């Protein structure tokens, strides 16, 4: 089903308050600055810092490449 576009327009990382990358097929939101991944359960983003998954360098590179390949844009434009 995917996340509502209006929700994506306002979603930010709870730690650094910056934009996220949304990978619908993997049901995750990813912060490339902190290399953190937030899961999405039943179309509900789990935006708790303690629940975030640290992403290793190889996985960060894969996600960055996938975002570039699929033209995935940040959830909003930061300041």
Foldseek 3Di string as FASTA:
>chain_A
DEEDLVVLLCDAQPPPRHWWWDDRVQQWTADLVQQWIWHADPNRTPRDPVRIDHHDPVVSVVVVVVCVVVVTDTSHDDD
